Protein backbone atom coordinates (compact mmCIF):
# COMPACT_ATOMS: atom_id res chain seq x y z
CA MET A 1 -0.02 -0.03 -0.03
CA SER A 2 1.23 3.49 -0.73
CA TYR A 3 1.19 6.05 1.95
CA LYS A 4 1.32 9.98 1.86
CA PHE A 5 3.60 9.98 4.93
CA ASP A 6 6.43 7.65 6.12
CA VAL A 7 5.58 8.60 9.79
CA ALA A 8 3.01 10.72 11.51
CA LEU A 9 3.98 12.36 15.01
CA SER A 10 1.33 12.67 17.70
CA PHE A 11 2.28 14.69 20.76
CA ALA A 12 1.17 17.40 23.26
CA GLY A 13 2.12 21.04 22.75
CA GLU A 14 4.29 21.08 25.81
CA GLN A 15 6.66 18.73 24.21
CA ARG A 16 6.60 20.37 20.79
CA ALA A 17 10.31 21.72 21.03
CA HIS A 18 11.65 18.13 21.59
CA VAL A 19 9.27 16.55 19.10
CA GLU A 20 10.36 19.20 16.51
CA ARG A 21 14.02 18.03 16.79
CA VAL A 22 13.01 14.37 15.98
CA ALA A 23 10.97 15.66 12.98
CA GLU A 24 13.95 17.69 11.74
CA CYS A 25 16.12 14.65 11.94
CA LEU A 26 13.59 12.40 10.20
CA LYS A 27 13.21 14.83 7.39
CA ALA A 28 17.03 15.35 7.10
CA ALA A 29 17.00 11.51 6.44
CA GLY A 30 14.58 12.12 3.43
CA LEU A 31 11.37 10.83 5.07
CA ASN A 32 7.87 12.29 4.43
CA VAL A 33 6.83 13.26 8.03
CA PHE A 34 3.32 14.52 9.19
CA TYR A 35 4.33 17.18 11.68
CA ASP A 36 1.66 19.87 12.21
CA ASP A 37 3.76 23.06 11.85
CA ASP A 38 4.75 21.88 8.31
CA GLU A 39 1.19 21.59 7.41
CA LYS A 40 -0.20 24.98 8.35
CA ALA A 41 -1.11 26.04 4.86
CA ASN A 42 -2.55 22.74 3.97
CA LEU A 43 -4.67 22.48 7.30
CA TRP A 44 -5.99 26.06 6.92
CA GLY A 45 -9.74 26.02 6.44
CA LYS A 46 -9.95 22.24 6.68
CA ASP A 47 -12.33 20.48 9.15
CA LEU A 48 -9.45 19.22 11.42
CA TYR A 49 -11.55 16.56 13.13
CA VAL A 50 -12.14 14.89 9.86
CA HIS A 51 -8.74 15.49 8.34
CA LEU A 52 -6.68 14.34 11.32
CA SER A 53 -8.77 11.20 11.48
CA ASP A 54 -7.79 10.41 7.94
CA VAL A 55 -4.24 11.20 8.55
CA TYR A 56 -3.88 9.00 11.68
CA GLN A 57 -5.95 6.20 10.24
CA ASN A 58 -4.98 5.93 6.57
CA GLN A 59 -2.16 8.35 5.46
CA ALA A 60 0.91 7.27 7.47
CA GLN A 61 2.81 4.05 7.37
CA TYR A 62 3.81 4.55 11.11
CA CYS A 63 2.77 6.73 14.00
CA ILE A 64 5.18 7.80 16.60
CA LEU A 65 3.20 8.58 19.72
CA PHE A 66 4.90 10.78 22.35
CA ALA A 67 3.22 9.80 25.61
CA SER A 68 3.14 12.42 28.57
CA LYS A 69 0.76 13.49 31.43
CA GLU A 70 -0.24 16.25 29.04
CA TYR A 71 -0.86 13.98 26.17
CA ALA A 72 -3.12 11.78 28.34
CA THR A 73 -5.53 14.68 29.17
CA LYS A 74 -5.62 17.03 26.00
CA ASN A 75 -8.41 16.67 23.50
CA TRP A 76 -6.45 16.83 20.16
CA PRO A 77 -3.73 14.24 21.30
CA SER A 78 -6.66 12.01 22.39
CA HIS A 79 -8.34 12.28 19.10
CA GLU A 80 -5.10 11.47 17.25
CA ARG A 81 -4.44 8.48 19.49
CA GLN A 82 -7.99 7.14 19.13
CA ASN A 83 -7.73 7.20 15.24
CA ALA A 84 -4.31 5.63 15.46
CA GLN A 85 -5.58 2.86 17.66
CA ALA A 86 -8.51 2.26 15.31
CA ARG A 87 -5.86 1.57 12.66
CA VAL A 88 -4.24 -0.99 14.82
CA LEU A 89 -7.41 -2.61 15.56
CA ARG A 90 -8.09 -2.85 11.98
CA GLU A 91 -4.77 -4.25 10.92
CA LYS A 92 -4.03 -6.75 13.85
CA GLY A 93 -0.45 -7.44 14.18
CA ASN A 94 0.65 -4.26 12.48
CA GLU A 95 3.29 -2.41 14.58
CA TYR A 96 1.82 0.94 13.47
CA ILE A 97 1.99 2.77 16.74
CA LEU A 98 5.38 3.38 18.08
CA PRO A 99 5.33 4.84 21.61
CA VAL A 100 7.95 7.16 23.21
CA ARG A 101 7.56 8.12 26.94
CA PHE A 102 8.36 11.54 28.39
CA ASP A 103 7.18 10.33 31.73
CA ASP A 104 5.42 7.19 33.32
CA THR A 105 1.74 8.36 32.74
CA ASP A 106 -0.57 5.60 31.55
CA ILE A 107 -2.15 6.27 28.30
CA PRO A 108 -5.60 5.03 27.72
CA GLY A 109 -5.80 2.09 25.29
CA MET A 110 -1.98 1.58 25.53
CA PRO A 111 -1.24 -1.95 27.15
CA PRO A 112 1.85 -1.77 29.55
CA THR A 113 3.31 -4.78 27.71
CA ILE A 114 3.93 -2.79 24.39
CA GLY A 115 7.57 -1.98 23.68
CA TYR A 116 8.36 1.74 23.99
CA LEU A 117 11.39 3.92 23.93
CA ASP A 118 12.15 6.38 26.81
CA PHE A 119 12.88 10.03 25.50
CA ARG A 120 14.73 10.77 28.77
CA ARG A 121 17.24 8.21 27.82
CA GLU A 122 17.29 8.37 24.09
CA GLY A 123 16.87 11.95 23.32
CA PRO A 124 15.65 13.26 19.87
CA ASP A 125 18.56 11.84 17.96
CA GLY A 126 18.31 8.52 19.64
CA ILE A 127 14.49 8.32 18.78
CA CYS A 128 15.18 9.37 15.14
CA LYS A 129 17.93 6.82 14.76
CA ALA A 130 15.94 3.93 16.28
CA PHE A 131 13.13 4.78 13.84
CA LEU A 132 15.49 4.71 10.90
CA ARG A 133 16.82 1.40 11.94
CA LYS A 134 13.35 -0.11 12.33
CA ILE A 135 12.41 0.86 8.74
CA GLY A 136 15.78 0.00 7.61
CA THR A 137 17.20 3.38 6.37
CA TYR A 138 19.65 4.23 9.07
CA GLN A 139 23.00 5.32 7.64
CA PRO A 140 25.61 6.70 10.34
CA THR A 141 26.82 9.17 7.83
CA GLN A 142 23.43 10.58 7.11
CA ALA A 143 23.20 14.28 6.11
CA LEU A 144 22.11 15.29 9.64
CA SER A 145 25.76 15.10 10.68
CA GLU A 146 26.73 17.56 8.01
CA VAL A 147 27.23 21.29 8.61
CA LEU A 148 25.32 23.54 6.30
CA VAL A 149 27.12 26.84 5.58
CA CYS A 150 25.71 30.16 4.38
CA GLU A 151 27.92 33.04 3.53
CA SER A 152 25.51 35.12 1.31
CA SER A 153 21.75 35.04 0.66
CA PRO A 154 19.76 35.11 -2.68
CA ARG A 155 16.93 36.59 -0.73
CA ALA A 156 15.84 40.14 0.08
CA LEU A 157 14.41 41.35 3.37
CA ILE A 158 11.13 43.42 2.74
CA GLN A 159 9.62 44.76 6.02
CA SER A 160 6.81 47.12 6.20
CA VAL A 161 6.60 48.89 9.58
CA PRO A 162 3.07 50.20 9.24
CA LEU A 163 1.87 46.73 8.15
CA ASP A 164 3.89 45.01 10.63
CA THR A 165 4.89 42.41 8.15
CA VAL A 166 8.24 40.95 6.74
CA ALA A 167 8.98 38.80 3.73
CA PHE A 168 12.20 37.02 2.40
CA PRO A 169 11.52 36.72 -1.33
CA PRO A 170 14.30 35.52 -3.64
CA VAL A 171 15.83 38.23 -5.85
CA ALA A 172 16.01 37.96 -9.73
CA GLU A 173 17.48 41.43 -10.45
CA VAL A 174 18.46 44.33 -8.29
CA SER A 175 19.78 47.93 -8.87
CA TRP A 176 20.84 49.61 -5.64
CA LYS A 177 21.99 53.18 -5.71
CA ALA A 178 22.76 55.74 -3.05
CA ASP A 179 19.36 57.01 -2.49
CA SER A 180 17.09 54.46 -4.40
CA ALA A 181 16.76 50.73 -5.23
CA ILE A 182 14.80 48.61 -7.63
CA LEU A 183 14.19 44.96 -6.82
CA LEU A 184 12.74 42.28 -9.01
CA LEU A 185 11.43 39.65 -6.70
CA GLU A 186 10.30 36.09 -7.33
CA PRO A 187 8.38 34.96 -4.09
CA ASP A 188 8.39 31.34 -3.10
CA ASP A 189 6.00 31.91 -0.29
CA PRO A 190 2.31 32.31 -1.30
CA THR A 191 1.77 35.02 1.35
CA ASP A 192 4.48 37.26 -0.12
CA GLY A 193 2.63 38.28 -3.27
CA PRO A 194 -0.55 39.73 -1.38
CA PHE A 195 1.87 41.41 0.92
CA LEU A 196 3.82 42.94 -1.89
CA ASP A 197 0.61 44.18 -3.44
CA ARG A 198 -0.47 45.92 -0.40
CA LEU A 199 2.69 48.01 -0.32
CA ARG A 200 0.85 50.25 -2.92
CA GLN A 201 -1.36 51.49 -0.06
CA GLN A 202 1.29 51.62 2.56
CA ARG A 203 4.39 53.19 0.86
CA ASP A 204 6.13 54.74 4.01
CA HIS A 205 8.79 53.34 6.24
CA LEU A 206 9.82 50.13 4.20
CA ILE A 207 13.01 48.45 5.40
CA VAL A 208 14.80 46.53 2.79
CA ALA A 209 17.97 44.61 2.62
CA PHE A 210 19.75 42.67 0.03
CA SER A 211 23.30 41.33 0.01
CA ASN A 212 25.36 43.65 2.23
CA ASN A 213 23.02 46.50 1.66
CA ALA A 214 20.28 47.70 3.90
CA GLY A 215 18.14 50.82 4.24
CA VAL A 216 14.79 52.50 4.94
CA GLY A 217 12.67 54.27 2.22
CA SER A 218 9.39 54.89 0.68
CA VAL A 219 7.82 52.74 -1.99
CA ALA A 220 7.67 54.49 -5.46
CA GLY A 221 5.92 51.78 -7.38
CA VAL A 222 4.84 48.24 -7.28
CA GLU A 223 4.50 46.28 -10.40
CA HIS A 224 3.18 42.78 -10.69
CA ILE A 225 4.47 40.97 -13.71
CA VAL A 226 3.32 37.60 -15.06
CA VAL A 227 5.22 36.06 -18.00
CA SER A 228 4.44 32.52 -19.01
CA GLY A 229 2.87 31.69 -15.55
CA ARG A 230 6.14 33.16 -13.95
CA GLN A 231 5.15 35.70 -11.18
CA GLN A 232 7.43 38.59 -10.38
CA TRP A 233 6.99 41.75 -8.48
CA LYS A 234 9.09 44.81 -9.13
CA ILE A 235 9.65 47.23 -6.18
CA GLU A 236 10.95 50.69 -6.65
CA ILE A 237 12.07 52.43 -3.44
CA GLN A 238 13.08 56.11 -3.12
CA ALA A 239 14.29 58.43 -0.47
CA LEU A 240 16.49 55.52 0.43
CA GLN A 241 18.54 56.00 3.68
CA SER A 242 21.50 53.55 3.94
CA ASP A 243 23.80 55.39 6.49
CA PHE A 244 22.68 55.00 10.05
CA SER A 245 26.03 55.85 11.77
CA SER A 246 25.70 58.50 14.56
CA THR A 247 28.19 61.39 14.61
CA VAL A 248 27.93 61.53 18.31
CA GLU A 249 28.05 58.27 20.35
CA MET A 250 28.66 58.15 24.03
CA GLY A 251 30.53 55.68 26.20
CA THR A 252 30.93 55.31 29.98
CA SER A 253 34.11 55.41 32.15
CA GLY A 254 34.40 51.73 31.71
CA THR A 255 32.81 51.15 28.21
CA THR A 256 33.69 52.86 25.08
CA ALA A 257 31.20 53.49 22.25
CA GLU A 258 32.98 50.79 20.29
CA GLN A 259 32.69 48.22 23.03
CA PHE A 260 28.89 49.10 23.27
CA ALA A 261 28.74 48.31 19.52
CA GLU A 262 30.43 44.92 20.08
CA ILE A 263 27.83 44.05 22.81
CA ARG A 264 25.17 44.99 20.24
CA ALA A 265 26.73 42.72 17.68
CA LYS A 266 26.90 39.74 20.19
CA ARG A 267 23.19 40.34 20.83
CA ILE A 268 22.28 40.11 17.19
CA LEU A 269 24.57 37.15 16.33
CA LEU A 270 24.78 35.12 19.54
CA ASN A 271 21.96 36.24 21.67
CA GLN A 272 24.31 37.35 24.41
CA GLN A 273 23.67 40.08 27.11
CA ARG A 274 19.99 40.45 26.01
CA TYR A 275 17.86 43.17 27.32
CA GLU A 276 16.33 42.87 30.78
CA ASP A 277 13.60 44.97 32.08
CA THR A 278 14.66 47.02 35.14
CA GLN A 279 14.10 50.03 37.11
CA ASP A 280 17.76 50.65 38.11
CA TYR A 281 18.71 53.97 36.74
CA ASN A 282 22.29 53.08 35.98
CA LYS A 283 21.30 49.78 34.10
CA VAL A 284 18.62 51.81 32.14
CA MET A 285 21.17 54.24 31.00
CA ARG A 286 23.58 51.49 30.01
CA GLU A 287 20.86 49.88 27.99
CA VAL A 288 20.21 53.18 26.20
CA LEU A 289 23.97 53.15 25.20
CA THR A 290 23.88 49.36 24.35
CA GLN A 291 21.05 49.75 21.92
CA GLY A 292 22.73 52.79 20.18
CA GLN A 293 21.85 56.44 20.06
CA GLY A 294 19.73 57.40 17.16
CA ALA A 295 19.74 53.71 15.86
CA ALA A 296 16.76 53.05 13.28
CA ILE A 297 15.95 49.82 15.15
CA LYS A 298 16.58 48.65 18.71
CA ILE A 299 17.98 45.26 19.43
CA ASP A 300 16.64 43.30 22.45
CA GLY A 301 18.22 39.99 21.53
CA SER A 302 18.91 37.74 18.44
CA SER A 303 16.07 37.04 15.93
CA PHE A 304 17.88 33.65 15.12
CA PRO A 305 15.84 31.47 17.65
CA ALA A 306 12.49 32.77 16.53
CA LEU A 307 13.50 32.41 12.70
CA TYR A 308 14.65 28.76 13.50
CA LYS A 309 11.26 27.91 15.09
CA GLU A 310 9.61 29.16 12.04
CA TYR A 311 11.86 27.98 9.25
CA GLY A 312 14.03 25.25 10.91
CA ASN A 313 12.46 22.53 9.19
CA GLN A 314 14.03 24.03 6.02
CA PRO A 315 17.65 24.43 7.07
CA SER A 316 18.93 26.00 3.94
CA ARG A 317 15.91 28.52 3.94
CA PHE A 318 16.48 29.23 7.40
CA LEU A 319 20.27 30.22 6.96
CA GLN A 320 19.39 32.42 3.91
CA ILE A 321 16.75 34.24 6.07
CA ALA A 322 18.83 34.37 9.09
CA TRP A 323 21.84 35.80 7.01
CA ILE A 324 20.02 38.67 5.45
CA SER A 325 18.14 39.44 8.77
CA ALA A 326 21.54 39.87 10.65
CA VAL A 327 22.85 42.13 7.95
CA MET A 328 19.79 44.43 8.18
CA GLN A 329 19.90 44.52 11.96
CA ALA A 330 23.64 45.17 12.07
CA LYS A 331 23.45 48.09 9.84
CA LEU A 332 20.21 49.73 11.03
CA SER A 333 21.15 49.33 14.61
CA ASN A 334 24.30 51.41 14.00
CA THR A 335 26.47 48.42 14.99
CA VAL A 336 28.54 48.69 11.66
CA VAL A 337 28.39 50.57 8.51
CA SER A 338 29.43 47.64 6.36
CA VAL A 339 29.27 43.92 6.86
CA ASP A 340 32.48 42.65 5.45
CA TYR A 341 31.94 38.96 6.26
CA LEU A 342 29.29 36.84 7.66
CA SER A 343 29.16 33.08 7.75
CA LEU A 344 26.44 30.93 9.40
CA GLY A 345 26.93 27.17 9.81
CA LEU A 346 24.14 25.02 10.92
CA LYS A 347 24.39 21.61 12.52
CA GLY A 348 21.25 20.17 14.11
CA SER A 349 20.12 23.30 16.30
CA LEU A 350 23.66 24.59 16.79
CA LEU A 351 24.59 27.74 14.77
CA THR A 352 28.14 28.70 14.36
CA VAL A 353 28.74 32.44 13.54
CA GLU A 354 31.68 34.24 12.01
CA PHE A 355 31.34 37.95 11.60
CA ARG A 356 33.64 40.94 10.53
CA GLY A 357 32.13 44.38 10.14
CA THR A 358 33.43 47.90 10.04
CA ARG A 359 32.32 50.86 12.05
CA ALA A 360 32.05 54.41 10.83
CA ARG A 361 35.38 56.35 10.52
CA LYS A 362 35.58 58.94 13.40
CA PHE A 363 38.97 60.41 12.50
CA THR A 364 40.54 60.95 9.22
CA ASN A 365 44.00 59.78 10.48
CA VAL A 366 42.67 56.76 12.35
CA SER A 367 41.54 53.54 10.82
CA PRO A 368 37.79 52.69 11.56
CA HIS A 369 37.22 50.14 14.16
CA VAL A 370 36.55 46.62 13.01
CA ILE A 371 34.24 44.33 14.95
CA LYS A 372 35.06 40.54 14.94
CA ILE A 373 32.73 37.96 16.37
CA GLU A 374 33.01 34.33 16.47
CA GLY A 375 30.89 31.96 18.51
CA LYS A 376 27.95 29.50 18.73
CA ILE A 377 24.44 29.70 19.63
CA ASP A 378 21.97 26.98 20.58
CA LEU A 379 18.81 27.87 18.65
CA ARG A 380 16.61 25.96 21.06
CA SER A 381 17.75 28.16 24.00
């Protein structure tokens, strides 16, 4: 029998972060996985009660059931479990449900004699490898162990502040000048086209970035082009501000303006020394200097973990989006005037960062300060 999915994952939301890592590993091994976050567009508008019944009864070859105290009491996990159990009842002897325990909670309809794996001992990689061994596709040198590296991005960042929306469409052509830019975009996300069309009504305060360029401007025109079924959007931006350096930057007796900029860079790239709400006057003043005087955007922490949560199931896409996002933030936050080098390496949920950027020149006879950052960030933290 042919199945749409090699495996369906059934779990409670409290264990999502752990289960997502299992899903990531299985997809890296080339399997078709039913994981709800990957199915948002497909599930949109469907009768979920009916659709999920079909998924867990008919569409998957296996079901990994992640048992926990939350799983035992929640409605949707119970619905998934009941339909998976209906499949087992229909196909006697079929090892369809593969249980994984987060704790020792009894799950209705799951006999204590059935074999299970313990997530507390195995972890996400152990669960993934065990499943691959069970279906006979485990390879110790599988792609999961490889490091994906991104040193540039084919995507633009288009962010409308009034619309509170950001898109990352691939770029077909670009012309970037001192005070204007024209980008020919080929969206690969179905939500990007409607957003780009809406820019005709919300023209002001558009943040745009591509390659090592980033700026804020106004939309001069939006042209939707369709040739032989190929859809493109041509966006013209005018009054483009690309220099966000400040002529006056303050430091403290113990921290120079350049050191504050390095702290800002580490926030962007490594999620270090994040903003913390405080009533302490000295800490408040230090935070003002950390975020940068007159900066176009304020940096409270790294955007990488949130982007990974949204796009991590597609590692290459995540790296491209994270790369251009970091360039935009580094420039608009007055951290550097130029991003000279940025390399992002992803292995599992661990991101390795190498960065070199140049600050604005302050004195004609003194070379501008260069910020160099190397480190790693666990995107699950």
